[in-house]
Amino acid sequence: MARGTAPSLFLGFWQYGWAIMKPLGYADIWTFLHLQWLWFSSAPIPNYLSNNAVLEGTILPALISTGLLLKYWLQVKDQRIILGFLLFAVTLGMFTQHWGVTGLHLFTGGFVIWPVLVLLLGDRFPWPLAYPLTFIGTLIPDLYGAGMAANWSSGWFFGVGGAGFLDGLFLVPLETLMAAAALNQFGMLMRRRGYFCESVEQEESDAPPQ
């Protein structure tokens, strides 16, 4: 490319853009870009995502959940059963939710379901998955409750995750993860002592004959 071609192209695009913007009443192209940025930043979703509390209460758990799902989901031996329990947890949260003085309240069944499954299934269900599954089972009812309260009007999702690190979307998956880790260790101890014999016998029957 000959020297000066890139600046010439840039200048040409600049003049072309100015030729379009000037008849529309803008002083210059920078005014146009600034107004477009103000319009974009005032839209519901960008305005929601720019809230620091939302970054703490929703975006951070969502990123952690995505990473854990990508890493551990393929290790699940009974994926249909897990999805069935997830559907049950979501349905339970949607039908038990109610609004109080402090906001939306719902029964997070995942706090009970996933640690118990970790205890019973052992290696067939990796215990770190308790975090993303609890987050999903809490997020969907939370979104549904916020939408119903606002009649699904513009910006209906603004309250979701609005309490930051104190929001249920941040705390409940973390508490469930700690419970799952504790029950995973307890389950390993019980298996070494001969409990859950059915799982041990099944593993032995699946082993190739020597």
Protein backbone atom coordinates (compact mmCIF):
# COMPACT_ATOMS: atom_id res chain seq x y z
CA MET A 1 0.00 0.00 0.00
CA ALA A 2 1.37 3.36 -0.95
CA ARG A 3 2.25 5.81 1.79
CA GLY A 4 -0.58 8.17 2.55
CA THR A 5 -3.31 5.81 1.32
CA ALA A 6 -4.69 5.07 4.81
CA PRO A 7 -4.92 8.76 5.87
CA SER A 8 -6.57 9.53 2.56
CA LEU A 9 -9.16 6.82 3.10
CA PHE A 10 -9.80 8.06 6.64
CA LEU A 11 -10.22 11.62 5.41
CA GLY A 12 -12.56 10.42 2.68
CA PHE A 13 -14.77 8.54 5.13
CA TRP A 14 -14.75 11.55 7.46
CA GLN A 15 -15.87 13.91 4.69
CA TYR A 16 -18.52 11.42 3.57
CA GLY A 17 -19.89 11.12 7.11
CA TRP A 18 -19.92 14.89 7.55
CA ALA A 19 -21.76 15.28 4.25
CA ILE A 20 -24.49 12.99 5.60
CA MET A 21 -24.68 14.50 9.10
CA LYS A 22 -24.74 18.18 8.11
CA PRO A 23 -28.19 18.14 6.40
CA LEU A 24 -29.63 16.47 9.53
CA GLY A 25 -28.84 19.52 11.63
CA TYR A 26 -25.75 18.34 13.55
CA ALA A 27 -22.93 20.80 14.12
CA ASP A 28 -20.28 18.20 13.39
CA ILE A 29 -19.80 14.45 13.40
CA TRP A 30 -18.56 14.51 17.02
CA THR A 31 -21.90 15.95 18.12
CA PHE A 32 -23.68 13.18 16.28
CA LEU A 33 -21.50 10.47 17.90
CA HIS A 34 -21.96 12.01 21.34
CA LEU A 35 -25.73 12.08 20.98
CA GLN A 36 -25.76 8.47 19.80
CA TRP A 37 -23.67 7.46 22.81
CA LEU A 38 -26.09 9.24 25.17
CA TRP A 39 -29.01 7.46 23.51
CA PHE A 40 -27.27 4.09 23.84
CA SER A 41 -26.25 4.60 27.48
CA SER A 42 -29.80 5.63 28.42
CA ALA A 43 -31.31 2.46 26.94
CA PRO A 44 -32.64 0.00 29.56
CA ILE A 45 -30.11 -2.82 29.16
CA PRO A 46 -26.91 -0.69 29.05
CA ASN A 47 -28.22 1.39 31.95
CA TYR A 48 -28.92 -1.80 33.91
CA LEU A 49 -25.52 -3.31 33.20
CA SER A 50 -23.69 -0.12 34.16
CA ASN A 51 -24.90 -0.43 37.76
CA ASN A 52 -22.09 -1.64 40.06
CA ALA A 53 -24.55 -3.52 42.26
CA VAL A 54 -25.80 -5.44 39.22
CA LEU A 55 -22.23 -6.32 38.27
CA GLU A 56 -21.77 -7.79 41.75
CA GLY A 57 -25.15 -9.44 42.17
CA THR A 58 -25.85 -10.74 38.65
CA ILE A 59 -22.99 -10.45 36.17
CA LEU A 60 -20.26 -11.90 38.41
CA PRO A 61 -22.30 -14.99 39.41
CA ALA A 62 -23.35 -15.42 35.78
CA LEU A 63 -19.73 -15.45 34.61
CA ILE A 64 -18.73 -17.91 37.36
CA SER A 65 -21.70 -20.14 36.49
CA THR A 66 -20.81 -20.13 32.80
CA GLY A 67 -17.22 -21.15 33.53
CA LEU A 68 -18.26 -23.97 35.87
CA LEU A 69 -20.84 -25.28 33.42
CA LEU A 70 -18.34 -25.34 30.57
CA LYS A 71 -15.83 -27.19 32.71
CA TYR A 72 -17.97 -29.76 34.54
CA TRP A 73 -21.23 -30.33 32.66
CA LEU A 74 -19.88 -33.05 30.38
CA GLN A 75 -18.78 -35.00 33.48
CA VAL A 76 -22.39 -35.43 34.62
CA LYS A 77 -23.49 -39.02 34.13
CA ASP A 78 -27.24 -38.45 34.50
CA GLN A 79 -27.84 -35.19 32.65
CA ARG A 80 -31.57 -35.73 32.09
CA ILE A 81 -32.14 -36.31 35.79
CA ILE A 82 -30.19 -33.17 36.65
CA LEU A 83 -32.20 -31.12 34.13
CA GLY A 84 -35.40 -32.54 35.60
CA PHE A 85 -34.39 -31.43 39.09
CA LEU A 86 -33.43 -28.01 37.69
CA LEU A 87 -36.89 -27.65 36.15
CA PHE A 88 -38.40 -28.64 39.49
CA ALA A 89 -36.29 -26.05 41.34
CA VAL A 90 -37.29 -23.30 38.86
CA THR A 91 -40.98 -24.23 39.10
CA LEU A 92 -40.80 -24.32 42.88
CA GLY A 93 -39.26 -20.86 42.97
CA MET A 94 -41.86 -19.41 40.61
CA PHE A 95 -44.84 -20.76 42.54
CA THR A 96 -43.57 -19.91 46.04
CA GLN A 97 -42.45 -16.32 45.38
CA HIS A 98 -44.08 -13.33 46.98
CA TRP A 99 -43.28 -9.65 47.41
CA GLY A 100 -42.53 -8.28 50.86
CA VAL A 101 -41.22 -5.09 52.38
CA THR A 102 -37.62 -6.00 51.54
CA GLY A 103 -38.36 -7.16 47.99
CA LEU A 104 -39.05 -10.46 46.26
CA HIS A 105 -38.93 -13.62 48.37
CA LEU A 106 -38.90 -17.16 46.98
CA PHE A 107 -38.06 -20.67 48.09
CA THR A 108 -34.71 -21.66 46.59
CA GLY A 109 -35.09 -25.40 46.36
CA GLY A 110 -31.65 -25.74 44.84
CA PHE A 111 -30.12 -25.09 48.26
CA VAL A 112 -31.49 -28.49 49.31
CA ILE A 113 -31.58 -30.39 46.02
CA TRP A 114 -28.02 -30.04 44.75
CA PRO A 115 -26.09 -30.80 47.99
CA VAL A 116 -28.25 -33.89 48.53
CA LEU A 117 -27.61 -35.07 44.96
CA VAL A 118 -23.88 -34.51 45.48
CA LEU A 119 -24.09 -36.70 48.58
CA LEU A 120 -26.02 -39.47 46.85
CA LEU A 121 -24.46 -39.49 43.38
CA GLY A 122 -20.82 -38.90 44.29
CA ASP A 123 -18.58 -38.68 41.23
CA ARG A 124 -21.57 -38.97 38.91
CA PHE A 125 -22.44 -35.36 39.75
CA PRO A 126 -19.47 -32.97 40.23
CA TRP A 127 -20.11 -30.86 43.32
CA PRO A 128 -18.98 -27.50 41.77
CA LEU A 129 -22.07 -27.65 39.54
CA ALA A 130 -24.16 -26.88 42.60
CA TYR A 131 -23.22 -23.20 42.10
CA PRO A 132 -24.41 -22.62 38.50
CA LEU A 133 -27.50 -24.80 38.87
CA THR A 134 -28.55 -22.89 41.99
CA PHE A 135 -27.90 -19.59 40.22
CA ILE A 136 -30.06 -20.59 37.25
CA GLY A 137 -32.79 -21.92 39.54
CA THR A 138 -32.82 -18.59 41.38
CA LEU A 139 -32.36 -16.25 38.42
CA ILE A 140 -35.31 -17.45 36.35
CA PRO A 141 -37.92 -17.06 39.15
CA ASP A 142 -36.34 -13.71 40.05
CA LEU A 143 -36.71 -12.48 36.47
CA TYR A 144 -40.26 -13.79 36.32
CA GLY A 145 -41.22 -12.08 39.57
CA ALA A 146 -39.69 -8.77 38.49
CA GLY A 147 -41.45 -8.92 35.13
CA MET A 148 -44.84 -9.71 36.65
CA ALA A 149 -44.50 -6.91 39.19
CA ALA A 150 -43.70 -4.37 36.45
CA ASN A 151 -46.23 -5.80 33.96
CA TRP A 152 -43.27 -6.49 31.66
CA SER A 153 -42.88 -2.77 30.95
CA SER A 154 -39.62 -1.17 29.82
CA GLY A 155 -36.86 -1.74 32.37
CA TRP A 156 -38.78 -4.45 34.25
CA PHE A 157 -35.50 -6.21 35.10
CA PHE A 158 -33.90 -3.27 36.95
CA GLY A 159 -34.31 -4.77 40.42
CA VAL A 160 -32.74 -8.13 39.59
CA GLY A 161 -29.42 -8.41 41.42
CA GLY A 162 -29.76 -4.86 42.66
CA ALA A 163 -28.53 -5.64 46.19
CA GLY A 164 -25.04 -6.47 44.97
CA PHE A 165 -23.07 -8.82 47.21
CA LEU A 166 -26.06 -9.00 49.56
CA ASP A 167 -28.45 -10.15 46.84
CA GLY A 168 -29.82 -13.67 46.87
CA LEU A 169 -28.43 -14.25 43.38
CA PHE A 170 -24.95 -13.87 44.85
CA LEU A 171 -25.39 -15.41 48.31
CA VAL A 172 -27.60 -18.45 47.68
CA PRO A 173 -25.37 -20.12 45.03
CA LEU A 174 -22.33 -19.48 47.22
CA GLU A 175 -23.99 -21.00 50.29
CA THR A 176 -25.18 -23.96 48.22
CA LEU A 177 -21.65 -24.50 46.91
CA MET A 178 -20.27 -24.61 50.45
CA ALA A 179 -22.97 -27.07 51.51
CA ALA A 180 -22.27 -29.24 48.46
CA ALA A 181 -18.53 -29.25 49.19
CA ALA A 182 -19.17 -30.31 52.80
CA LEU A 183 -21.58 -33.08 51.80
CA ASN A 184 -19.19 -34.24 49.09
CA GLN A 185 -16.51 -34.81 51.72
CA PHE A 186 -19.05 -36.49 54.00
CA GLY A 187 -20.17 -38.76 51.16
CA MET A 188 -16.59 -39.78 50.40
CA LEU A 189 -16.08 -40.64 54.07
CA MET A 190 -19.28 -42.71 54.16
CA ARG A 191 -18.30 -44.63 51.03
CA ARG A 192 -14.94 -45.50 52.51
CA ARG A 193 -16.80 -46.88 55.53
CA GLY A 194 -18.99 -49.07 53.34
CA TYR A 195 -22.15 -46.99 53.14
CA PHE A 196 -23.99 -46.45 49.84
CA CYS A 197 -23.13 -50.08 49.06
CA GLU A 198 -25.33 -50.15 46.00
CA SER A 199 -23.09 -47.60 44.28
CA VAL A 200 -19.98 -49.54 45.24
CA GLU A 201 -21.41 -52.83 43.97
CA GLN A 202 -22.48 -51.18 40.72
CA GLU A 203 -18.96 -49.81 40.18
CA GLU A 204 -17.49 -53.26 40.86
CA SER A 205 -19.90 -54.94 38.45
CA ASP A 206 -18.98 -52.46 35.73
CA ALA A 207 -15.27 -53.18 36.16
CA PRO A 208 -13.72 -55.60 33.57
CA PRO A 209 -12.97 -59.12 34.87
CA GLN A 210 -9.36 -59.77 35.82
